[in-house]
Amino acid sequence: MYAWLFHLLPGPTWFRWILTLVGLAAVVFVLMEYVYPWVAEFGFFSDATMDVD
């Protein structure tokens, strides 16, 4: 599947690698900025159970 996607990209091999890295960075950015914080609002892992005096 990834080879098929890689061959769909235009240009020579070095340019395909640059496009792949830019696309991967964009996916990581969107996940870290928008998806994970939104999902964290619905999770129980941010609730503290210890009482600190």
Protein backbone atom coordinates (compact mmCIF):
# COMPACT_ATOMS: atom_id res chain seq x y z
CA MET A 1 0.00 0.00 0.00
CA TYR A 2 2.75 2.45 0.89
CA ALA A 3 4.70 1.60 -2.24
CA TRP A 4 1.59 2.27 -4.30
CA LEU A 5 1.13 5.63 -2.59
CA PHE A 6 4.82 6.46 -3.00
CA HIS A 7 4.63 5.76 -6.75
CA LEU A 8 1.63 8.08 -7.11
CA LEU A 9 3.70 11.05 -6.00
CA PRO A 10 5.14 13.18 -8.81
CA GLY A 11 8.80 13.80 -9.53
CA PRO A 12 12.08 12.01 -9.03
CA THR A 13 12.82 9.81 -6.02
CA TRP A 14 14.50 12.50 -3.93
CA PHE A 15 11.49 14.78 -4.38
CA ARG A 16 9.10 11.97 -3.45
CA TRP A 17 11.01 11.49 -0.19
CA ILE A 18 10.70 15.20 0.58
CA LEU A 19 6.96 15.09 -0.12
CA THR A 20 6.61 12.00 2.04
CA LEU A 21 8.44 13.61 4.97
CA VAL A 22 6.42 16.83 4.66
CA GLY A 23 3.18 14.84 4.56
CA LEU A 24 4.22 12.79 7.58
CA ALA A 25 5.12 15.96 9.50
CA ALA A 26 1.71 17.44 8.60
CA VAL A 27 -0.10 14.35 9.87
CA VAL A 28 1.87 14.40 13.15
CA PHE A 29 1.18 18.12 13.58
CA VAL A 30 -2.57 17.74 13.04
CA LEU A 31 -2.74 14.79 15.42
CA MET A 32 -0.80 16.56 18.18
CA GLU A 33 -2.55 19.91 17.85
CA TYR A 34 -6.17 18.94 17.22
CA VAL A 35 -7.02 15.26 17.52
CA TYR A 36 -5.26 14.19 20.73
CA PRO A 37 -6.33 17.19 22.84
CA TRP A 38 -9.92 16.72 21.67
CA VAL A 39 -9.87 13.02 22.59
CA ALA A 40 -8.24 13.78 25.96
CA GLU A 41 -11.31 15.79 27.00
CA PHE A 42 -13.40 12.62 26.93
CA GLY A 43 -10.90 10.37 28.69
CA PHE A 44 -10.52 9.55 32.35
CA PHE A 45 -6.71 9.76 32.31
CA SER A 46 -6.63 13.48 33.13
CA ASP A 47 -8.62 13.13 36.37
CA ALA A 48 -6.44 13.35 39.47
CA THR A 49 -7.35 11.06 42.35
CA MET A 50 -4.76 12.18 44.88
CA ASP A 51 -5.40 15.05 47.25
CA VAL A 52 -2.34 17.27 47.64
CA ASP A 53 -2.32 19.54 50.72
